[in-house]
Amino acid sequence: MNFSYKLKRFFRNIALENLMTYIAASMAIIFVGDLFTEGMLSSFLSFNRAAILEGQVWRVITFLMIPQTGSPIWIVFSVYFYYFIGKAVENEWGSHNLTMYFLAGAALLIISGFVTGYTDASYLYFSLFLVFAHLNPHHQFLMFMVIPIEAKWMALIDAIFMIWEFVGAFQYYLYLPKFALGLQLSVVIAFLVYLIFFGKDHFGHFVNRYKHRDFYREMKQSRIKMSGKERDEDDEK
C-alpha cells in the first residue's frame, strides 16, 4: 500500500459528526463566560500570533469558537443559525464533506494568521451559508420575520456583504496594515474554500447555459419554437 493511497484513505475517513452543533454550543458557552469576565475569556482564546509562539497553542483552535456578536439578543439568533445551517448542510452533504470544508478553511486561516498576525473566522462561517444555498437554493427564510426570501438571494446578499468588508478594509492600511491584510485574506479564504468545493459546479452550469443559449439561437434561426416551460425544464437538466 503506497503513501498516496494511505493519505487519500486517511482523509476519506475524516468525519466529525455534529461539527457545527459543537461549535455553536462552544460559542454560546464562551459568550456566557465573557459576561462574567468582561470579555476576558474571548481575549484569552482569540488568535494571537505572539502568544501562540510563546506557548499558548490552544489559540490556534479556540479562535474558531469565538462568538461573532456581543449582543445577548443576537447571540441567540447567531447560535441557532449556525446550528441550523450546519445541521442542514451535514444532512444534505455528509459529515465528511462538511468536515473537510471546515478544516480546509481553518488551516488556511491559521496560515494567514501567522503570516499577517490577524485572522477572522467569521467569514468562513458566512461562506457556509453559501454552501447551504448551493445545496438548497429555493429554501425560504423570513427576512425581518416578515419578508419571504429564497436562500439563493440571501446568499447573494451574504457574498455582497463579504465583498463590502473586503473593500472597506482598505481604509485601515494607513494605520493598521496587518489587520487590514489579515481581514482581506480571511474574506478571500472564505470565497476560495467555497470555490474549491463548488467552483466546478458553477463553471459547469455556466458552460451549460452558454451552450443552451447557442442552441436556442439556432432553433430561432431555424424557426423552431419552444415554450417557456420547456426552456426552463431544459435549463434544469
C-alpha atoms as a PDB file:
ATOM      1  CA  MET A   1       0.000   0.000   0.000  1.00  0.00           C
ATOM      2  CA  ASN A   2       1.719   3.216  -1.172  1.00  0.00           C
ATOM      3  CA  PHE A   3       1.795   6.512   0.712  1.00  0.00           C
ATOM      4  CA  SER A   4      -0.589   8.383  -1.617  1.00  0.00           C
ATOM      5  CA  TYR A   5      -3.237   5.697  -1.182  1.00  0.00           C
ATOM      6  CA  LYS A   6      -2.864   5.816   2.612  1.00  0.00           C
ATOM      7  CA  LEU A   7      -3.168   9.608   2.512  1.00  0.00           C
ATOM      8  CA  LYS A   8      -6.363   9.515   0.436  1.00  0.00           C
ATOM      9  CA  ARG A   9      -7.798   6.832   2.705  1.00  0.00           C
ATOM     10  CA  PHE A  10      -6.916   8.848   5.806  1.00  0.00           C
ATOM     11  CA  PHE A  11      -8.712  11.970   4.586  1.00  0.00           C
ATOM     12  CA  ARG A  12     -11.632   9.910   3.324  1.00  0.00           C
ATOM     13  CA  ASN A  13     -12.230   8.628   6.846  1.00  0.00           C
ATOM     14  CA  ILE A  14     -12.238  12.066   8.489  1.00  0.00           C
ATOM     15  CA  ALA A  15     -15.778  12.957   9.516  1.00  0.00           C
ATOM     16  CA  LEU A  16     -16.681  14.927  12.637  1.00  0.00           C
ATOM     17  CA  GLU A  17     -20.387  14.378  13.165  1.00  0.00           C
ATOM     18  CA  ASN A  18     -22.396  17.311  14.548  1.00  0.00           C
ATOM     19  CA  LEU A  19     -19.387  19.581  14.000  1.00  0.00           C
ATOM     20  CA  MET A  20     -21.360  22.825  13.760  1.00  0.00           C
ATOM     21  CA  THR A  21     -23.507  21.814  16.736  1.00  0.00           C
ATOM     22  CA  TYR A  22     -20.390  21.666  18.902  1.00  0.00           C
ATOM     23  CA  ILE A  23     -19.085  24.948  17.501  1.00  0.00           C
ATOM     24  CA  ALA A  24     -22.416  26.715  18.075  1.00  0.00           C
ATOM     25  CA  ALA A  25     -22.553  25.357  21.640  1.00  0.00           C
ATOM     26  CA  SER A  26     -18.962  26.495  22.240  1.00  0.00           C
ATOM     27  CA  MET A  27     -19.854  29.999  21.052  1.00  0.00           C
ATOM     28  CA  ALA A  28     -22.767  30.108  23.493  1.00  0.00           C
ATOM     29  CA  ILE A  29     -20.585  28.927  26.398  1.00  0.00           C
ATOM     30  CA  ILE A  30     -17.827  31.444  25.611  1.00  0.00           C
ATOM     31  CA  PHE A  31     -20.415  34.219  25.325  1.00  0.00           C
ATOM     32  CA  VAL A  32     -21.720  33.418  28.813  1.00  0.00           C
ATOM     33  CA  GLY A  33     -18.147  33.266  30.075  1.00  0.00           C
ATOM     34  CA  ASP A  34     -17.499  36.719  28.615  1.00  0.00           C
ATOM     35  CA  LEU A  35     -20.449  38.107  30.559  1.00  0.00           C
ATOM     36  CA  PHE A  36     -18.784  37.083  33.824  1.00  0.00           C
ATOM     37  CA  THR A  37     -15.248  38.049  32.807  1.00  0.00           C
ATOM     38  CA  GLU A  38     -15.982  41.277  30.905  1.00  0.00           C
ATOM     39  CA  GLY A  39     -14.754  39.766  27.645  1.00  0.00           C
ATOM     40  CA  MET A  40     -11.535  38.351  29.084  1.00  0.00           C
ATOM     41  CA  LEU A  41     -12.407  34.783  28.094  1.00  0.00           C
ATOM     42  CA  SER A  42     -12.622  35.633  24.384  1.00  0.00           C
ATOM     43  CA  SER A  43      -9.389  37.587  24.693  1.00  0.00           C
ATOM     44  CA  PHE A  44      -7.749  34.525  26.243  1.00  0.00           C
ATOM     45  CA  LEU A  45      -8.978  32.273  23.408  1.00  0.00           C
ATOM     46  CA  SER A  46      -8.614  34.553  20.380  1.00  0.00           C
ATOM     47  CA  PHE A  47      -5.893  34.217  17.738  1.00  0.00           C
ATOM     48  CA  ASN A  48      -2.714  35.951  18.870  1.00  0.00           C
ATOM     49  CA  ARG A  49       0.447  35.116  16.959  1.00  0.00           C
ATOM     50  CA  ALA A  50       2.842  36.350  19.641  1.00  0.00           C
ATOM     51  CA  ALA A  51       1.020  34.475  22.420  1.00  0.00           C
ATOM     52  CA  ILE A  52       0.912  31.271  20.345  1.00  0.00           C
ATOM     53  CA  LEU A  53       4.640  31.425  19.692  1.00  0.00           C
ATOM     54  CA  GLU A  54       5.162  31.870  23.435  1.00  0.00           C
ATOM     55  CA  GLY A  55       3.330  28.605  24.129  1.00  0.00           C
ATOM     56  CA  GLN A  56      -0.406  29.405  24.196  1.00  0.00           C
ATOM     57  CA  VAL A  57      -1.040  26.892  21.434  1.00  0.00           C
ATOM     58  CA  TRP A  58      -4.737  26.445  22.214  1.00  0.00           C
ATOM     59  CA  ARG A  59      -5.404  29.741  20.467  1.00  0.00           C
ATOM     60  CA  VAL A  60      -4.724  28.022  17.125  1.00  0.00           C
ATOM     61  CA  ILE A  61      -8.033  26.186  17.584  1.00  0.00           C
ATOM     62  CA  THR A  62     -10.107  28.200  20.044  1.00  0.00           C
ATOM     63  CA  PHE A  63     -10.270  31.332  17.881  1.00  0.00           C
ATOM     64  CA  LEU A  64     -12.658  29.377  15.666  1.00  0.00           C
ATOM     65  CA  MET A  65     -15.170  29.235  18.542  1.00  0.00           C
ATOM     66  CA  ILE A  66     -15.241  32.918  19.490  1.00  0.00           C
ATOM     67  CA  PRO A  67     -18.851  34.238  19.294  1.00  0.00           C
ATOM     68  CA  GLN A  68     -19.454  36.650  16.426  1.00  0.00           C
ATOM     69  CA  THR A  69     -21.540  39.106  18.440  1.00  0.00           C
ATOM     70  CA  GLY A  70     -21.571  40.735  21.861  1.00  0.00           C
ATOM     71  CA  SER A  71     -25.335  41.217  21.965  1.00  0.00           C
ATOM     72  CA  PRO A  72     -27.369  38.914  24.270  1.00  0.00           C
ATOM     73  CA  ILE A  73     -30.197  39.035  21.720  1.00  0.00           C
ATOM     74  CA  TRP A  74     -28.173  38.379  18.588  1.00  0.00           C
ATOM     75  CA  ILE A  75     -26.155  35.568  20.163  1.00  0.00           C
ATOM     76  CA  VAL A  76     -29.369  33.514  20.350  1.00  0.00           C
ATOM     77  CA  PHE A  77     -30.054  34.018  16.642  1.00  0.00           C
ATOM     78  CA  SER A  78     -26.381  33.519  15.781  1.00  0.00           C
ATOM     79  CA  VAL A  79     -26.028  30.230  17.665  1.00  0.00           C
ATOM     80  CA  TYR A  80     -29.307  28.868  16.321  1.00  0.00           C
ATOM     81  CA  PHE A  81     -28.435  29.971  12.784  1.00  0.00           C
ATOM     82  CA  TYR A  82     -25.046  28.214  12.839  1.00  0.00           C
ATOM     83  CA  TYR A  83     -26.655  25.112  14.326  1.00  0.00           C
ATOM     84  CA  PHE A  84     -29.460  25.068  11.750  1.00  0.00           C
ATOM     85  CA  ILE A  85     -27.228  25.733   8.743  1.00  0.00           C
ATOM     86  CA  GLY A  86     -24.553  23.297   9.906  1.00  0.00           C
ATOM     87  CA  LYS A  87     -27.054  20.524  10.574  1.00  0.00           C
ATOM     88  CA  ALA A  88     -28.801  21.054   7.243  1.00  0.00           C
ATOM     89  CA  VAL A  89     -25.522  21.035   5.300  1.00  0.00           C
ATOM     90  CA  GLU A  90     -24.314  17.942   7.152  1.00  0.00           C
ATOM     91  CA  ASN A  91     -27.539  16.061   6.430  1.00  0.00           C
ATOM     92  CA  GLU A  92     -27.506  17.086   2.773  1.00  0.00           C
ATOM     93  CA  TRP A  93     -23.787  16.958   2.010  1.00  0.00           C
ATOM     94  CA  GLY A  94     -22.466  14.497   4.574  1.00  0.00           C
ATOM     95  CA  SER A  95     -20.270  14.784   7.681  1.00  0.00           C
ATOM     96  CA  HIS A  96     -17.078  14.069   5.741  1.00  0.00           C
ATOM     97  CA  ASN A  97     -17.557  16.858   3.205  1.00  0.00           C
ATOM     98  CA  LEU A  98     -18.553  19.407   5.843  1.00  0.00           C
ATOM     99  CA  THR A  99     -15.567  18.427   7.994  1.00  0.00           C
ATOM    100  CA  MET A 100     -13.124  18.722   5.098  1.00  0.00           C
ATOM    101  CA  TYR A 101     -14.628  22.087   4.124  1.00  0.00           C
ATOM    102  CA  PHE A 102     -14.233  23.425   7.643  1.00  0.00           C
ATOM    103  CA  LEU A 103     -10.734  22.009   8.153  1.00  0.00           C
ATOM    104  CA  ALA A 104      -9.538  23.384   4.813  1.00  0.00           C
ATOM    105  CA  GLY A 105     -10.805  26.844   5.710  1.00  0.00           C
ATOM    106  CA  ALA A 106      -9.420  26.649   9.250  1.00  0.00           C
ATOM    107  CA  ALA A 107      -5.978  25.565   8.012  1.00  0.00           C
ATOM    108  CA  LEU A 108      -5.802  28.470   5.556  1.00  0.00           C
ATOM    109  CA  LEU A 109      -6.955  30.933   8.216  1.00  0.00           C
ATOM    110  CA  ILE A 110      -4.272  29.718  10.614  1.00  0.00           C
ATOM    111  CA  ILE A 111      -1.584  30.113   7.953  1.00  0.00           C
ATOM    112  CA  SER A 112      -2.903  33.575   7.133  1.00  0.00           C
ATOM    113  CA  GLY A 113      -2.916  34.465  10.822  1.00  0.00           C
ATOM    114  CA  PHE A 114       0.730  33.526  11.247  1.00  0.00           C
ATOM    115  CA  VAL A 115       1.684  35.492   8.141  1.00  0.00           C
ATOM    116  CA  THR A 116      -0.214  38.699   8.936  1.00  0.00           C
ATOM    117  CA  GLY A 117      -0.733  38.474  12.700  1.00  0.00           C
ATOM    118  CA  TYR A 118      -4.523  38.653  12.373  1.00  0.00           C
ATOM    119  CA  THR A 119      -7.264  36.356  11.116  1.00  0.00           C
ATOM    120  CA  ASP A 120     -11.065  36.252  11.358  1.00  0.00           C
ATOM    121  CA  ALA A 121     -13.122  33.038  11.290  1.00  0.00           C
ATOM    122  CA  SER A 122     -16.482  34.771  10.866  1.00  0.00           C
ATOM    123  CA  TYR A 123     -16.210  34.885   7.063  1.00  0.00           C
ATOM    124  CA  LEU A 124     -15.633  31.142   6.928  1.00  0.00           C
ATOM    125  CA  TYR A 125     -18.981  30.724   8.680  1.00  0.00           C
ATOM    126  CA  PHE A 126     -20.568  33.211   6.292  1.00  0.00           C
ATOM    127  CA  SER A 127     -19.322  31.084   3.405  1.00  0.00           C
ATOM    128  CA  LEU A 128     -21.017  28.084   4.972  1.00  0.00           C
ATOM    129  CA  PHE A 129     -24.310  29.747   4.155  1.00  0.00           C
ATOM    130  CA  LEU A 130     -23.188  29.852   0.515  1.00  0.00           C
ATOM    131  CA  VAL A 131     -22.841  26.072   0.766  1.00  0.00           C
ATOM    132  CA  PHE A 132     -26.341  25.782   2.212  1.00  0.00           C
ATOM    133  CA  ALA A 133     -27.770  27.966  -0.544  1.00  0.00           C
ATOM    134  CA  HIS A 134     -25.959  25.952  -3.206  1.00  0.00           C
ATOM    135  CA  LEU A 135     -27.498  22.751  -1.865  1.00  0.00           C
ATOM    136  CA  ASN A 136     -30.913  24.284  -1.099  1.00  0.00           C
ATOM    137  CA  PRO A 137     -31.332  27.326  -3.380  1.00  0.00           C
ATOM    138  CA  HIS A 138     -35.115  27.520  -3.020  1.00  0.00           C
ATOM    139  CA  HIS A 139     -35.315  27.135   0.752  1.00  0.00           C
ATOM    140  CA  GLN A 140     -37.261  30.111   2.117  1.00  0.00           C
ATOM    141  CA  PHE A 141     -36.377  32.272   5.099  1.00  0.00           C
ATOM    142  CA  LEU A 142     -38.365  35.140   6.598  1.00  0.00           C
ATOM    143  CA  MET A 143     -36.262  38.289   6.433  1.00  0.00           C
ATOM    144  CA  PHE A 144     -37.102  40.577   9.373  1.00  0.00           C
ATOM    145  CA  MET A 145     -39.567  37.843  10.393  1.00  0.00           C
ATOM    146  CA  VAL A 146     -41.907  39.027   7.624  1.00  0.00           C
ATOM    147  CA  ILE A 147     -40.451  39.018   4.092  1.00  0.00           C
ATOM    148  CA  PRO A 148     -40.049  35.557   2.485  1.00  0.00           C
ATOM    149  CA  ILE A 149     -36.779  35.236   0.597  1.00  0.00           C
ATOM    150  CA  GLU A 150     -35.116  32.239  -1.010  1.00  0.00           C
ATOM    151  CA  ALA A 151     -31.717  31.042   0.187  1.00  0.00           C
ATOM    152  CA  LYS A 152     -30.031  31.802  -3.156  1.00  0.00           C
ATOM    153  CA  TRP A 153     -30.892  35.508  -2.832  1.00  0.00           C
ATOM    154  CA  MET A 154     -29.769  35.601   0.787  1.00  0.00           C
ATOM    155  CA  ALA A 155     -26.518  34.000  -0.334  1.00  0.00           C
ATOM    156  CA  LEU A 156     -26.096  36.805  -2.847  1.00  0.00           C
ATOM    157  CA  ILE A 157     -26.556  39.349  -0.041  1.00  0.00           C
ATOM    158  CA  ASP A 158     -24.073  37.360   2.035  1.00  0.00           C
ATOM    159  CA  ALA A 159     -21.499  37.448  -0.775  1.00  0.00           C
ATOM    160  CA  ILE A 160     -22.017  41.184  -1.348  1.00  0.00           C
ATOM    161  CA  PHE A 161     -21.525  41.817   2.370  1.00  0.00           C
ATOM    162  CA  MET A 162     -18.211  39.937   2.365  1.00  0.00           C
ATOM    163  CA  ILE A 163     -17.032  41.851  -0.708  1.00  0.00           C
ATOM    164  CA  TRP A 164     -18.053  45.090   1.024  1.00  0.00           C
ATOM    165  CA  GLU A 165     -15.982  44.092   4.062  1.00  0.00           C
ATOM    166  CA  PHE A 166     -13.023  43.326   1.792  1.00  0.00           C
ATOM    167  CA  VAL A 167     -13.234  46.740   0.133  1.00  0.00           C
ATOM    168  CA  GLY A 168     -13.829  48.521   3.431  1.00  0.00           C
ATOM    169  CA  ALA A 169     -10.628  47.066   4.880  1.00  0.00           C
ATOM    170  CA  PHE A 170      -8.538  49.295   2.603  1.00  0.00           C
ATOM    171  CA  GLN A 171      -9.212  52.228   4.941  1.00  0.00           C
ATOM    172  CA  TYR A 172      -7.193  50.528   7.688  1.00  0.00           C
ATOM    173  CA  TYR A 173      -3.978  50.210   5.678  1.00  0.00           C
ATOM    174  CA  LEU A 174      -2.780  53.656   6.792  1.00  0.00           C
ATOM    175  CA  TYR A 175      -2.628  52.802  10.487  1.00  0.00           C
ATOM    176  CA  LEU A 176      -3.416  49.047  10.861  1.00  0.00           C
ATOM    177  CA  PRO A 177      -1.896  47.407   7.760  1.00  0.00           C
ATOM    178  CA  LYS A 178      -1.565  43.924   9.285  1.00  0.00           C
ATOM    179  CA  PHE A 179      -5.168  43.969  10.462  1.00  0.00           C
ATOM    180  CA  ALA A 180      -6.374  45.149   7.047  1.00  0.00           C
ATOM    181  CA  LEU A 181      -4.424  42.470   5.204  1.00  0.00           C
ATOM    182  CA  GLY A 182      -5.496  39.761   7.638  1.00  0.00           C
ATOM    183  CA  LEU A 183      -9.162  40.734   7.295  1.00  0.00           C
ATOM    184  CA  GLN A 184      -8.975  40.770   3.500  1.00  0.00           C
ATOM    185  CA  LEU A 185      -7.225  37.399   3.425  1.00  0.00           C
ATOM    186  CA  SER A 186      -9.948  35.997   5.688  1.00  0.00           C
ATOM    187  CA  VAL A 187     -12.566  37.066   3.138  1.00  0.00           C
ATOM    188  CA  VAL A 188     -10.530  35.687   0.231  1.00  0.00           C
ATOM    189  CA  ILE A 189     -10.075  32.367   2.048  1.00  0.00           C
ATOM    190  CA  ALA A 190     -13.826  32.098   2.645  1.00  0.00           C
ATOM    191  CA  PHE A 191     -14.534  32.502  -1.074  1.00  0.00           C
ATOM    192  CA  LEU A 192     -11.574  30.320  -2.042  1.00  0.00           C
ATOM    193  CA  VAL A 193     -12.676  27.353   0.060  1.00  0.00           C
ATOM    194  CA  TYR A 194     -16.185  27.626  -1.361  1.00  0.00           C
ATOM    195  CA  LEU A 195     -14.828  27.677  -4.919  1.00  0.00           C
ATOM    196  CA  ILE A 196     -12.531  24.726  -4.241  1.00  0.00           C
ATOM    197  CA  PHE A 197     -15.537  22.602  -3.363  1.00  0.00           C
ATOM    198  CA  PHE A 198     -18.199  24.111  -5.638  1.00  0.00           C
ATOM    199  CA  GLY A 199     -16.397  26.072  -8.335  1.00  0.00           C
ATOM    200  CA  LYS A 200     -16.618  23.146 -10.734  1.00  0.00           C
ATOM    201  CA  ASP A 201     -20.403  23.026 -10.330  1.00  0.00           C
ATOM    202  CA  HIS A 202     -20.770  26.734 -11.073  1.00  0.00           C
ATOM    203  CA  PHE A 203     -18.410  26.544 -14.032  1.00  0.00           C
ATOM    204  CA  GLY A 204     -20.318  23.570 -15.455  1.00  0.00           C
ATOM    205  CA  HIS A 205     -23.611  25.399 -15.006  1.00  0.00           C
ATOM    206  CA  PHE A 206     -22.197  28.454 -16.776  1.00  0.00           C
ATOM    207  CA  VAL A 207     -20.926  26.336 -19.685  1.00  0.00           C
ATOM    208  CA  ASN A 208     -24.282  24.568 -19.994  1.00  0.00           C
ATOM    209  CA  ARG A 209     -26.173  27.862 -20.071  1.00  0.00           C
ATOM    210  CA  TYR A 210     -23.805  29.154 -22.748  1.00  0.00           C
ATOM    211  CA  LYS A 211     -24.357  26.026 -24.831  1.00  0.00           C
ATOM    212  CA  HIS A 212     -28.116  26.259 -24.334  1.00  0.00           C
ATOM    213  CA  ARG A 213     -28.087  29.888 -25.429  1.00  0.00           C
ATOM    214  CA  ASP A 214     -26.402  28.900 -28.698  1.00  0.00           C
ATOM    215  CA  PHE A 215     -28.893  26.063 -29.063  1.00  0.00           C
ATOM    216  CA  TYR A 216     -31.853  28.430 -28.613  1.00  0.00           C
ATOM    217  CA  ARG A 217     -30.339  30.839 -31.134  1.00  0.00           C
ATOM    218  CA  GLU A 218     -30.008  28.040 -33.690  1.00  0.00           C
ATOM    219  CA  MET A 219     -33.597  26.978 -33.050  1.00  0.00           C
ATOM    220  CA  LYS A 220     -34.794  30.544 -33.514  1.00  0.00           C
ATOM    221  CA  GLN A 221     -32.895  30.830 -36.741  1.00  0.00           C
ATOM    222  CA  SER A 222     -34.443  27.554 -37.845  1.00  0.00           C
ATOM    223  CA  ARG A 223     -37.857  28.900 -36.770  1.00  0.00           C
ATOM    224  CA  ILE A 224     -38.368  26.032 -34.318  1.00  0.00           C
ATOM    225  CA  LYS A 225     -40.428  27.250 -31.354  1.00  0.00           C
ATOM    226  CA  MET A 226     -40.033  26.110 -27.776  1.00  0.00           C
ATOM    227  CA  SER A 227     -42.336  27.137 -24.935  1.00  0.00           C
ATOM    228  CA  GLY A 228     -41.012  28.975 -21.867  1.00  0.00           C
ATOM    229  CA  LYS A 229     -41.819  25.958 -19.699  1.00  0.00           C
ATOM    230  CA  GLU A 230     -39.825  23.655 -21.990  1.00  0.00           C
ATOM    231  CA  ARG A 231     -36.868  26.057 -21.827  1.00  0.00           C
ATOM    232  CA  ASP A 232     -36.991  26.111 -18.017  1.00  0.00           C
ATOM    233  CA  GLU A 233     -37.108  22.317 -17.893  1.00  0.00           C
ATOM    234  CA  ASP A 234     -34.183  22.143 -20.303  1.00  0.00           C
ATOM    235  CA  ASP A 235     -32.135  24.578 -18.177  1.00  0.00           C
ATOM    236  CA  GLU A 236     -32.637  22.403 -15.103  1.00  0.00           C
ATOM    237  CA  LYS A 237     -31.197  19.327 -16.813  1.00  0.00           C
END
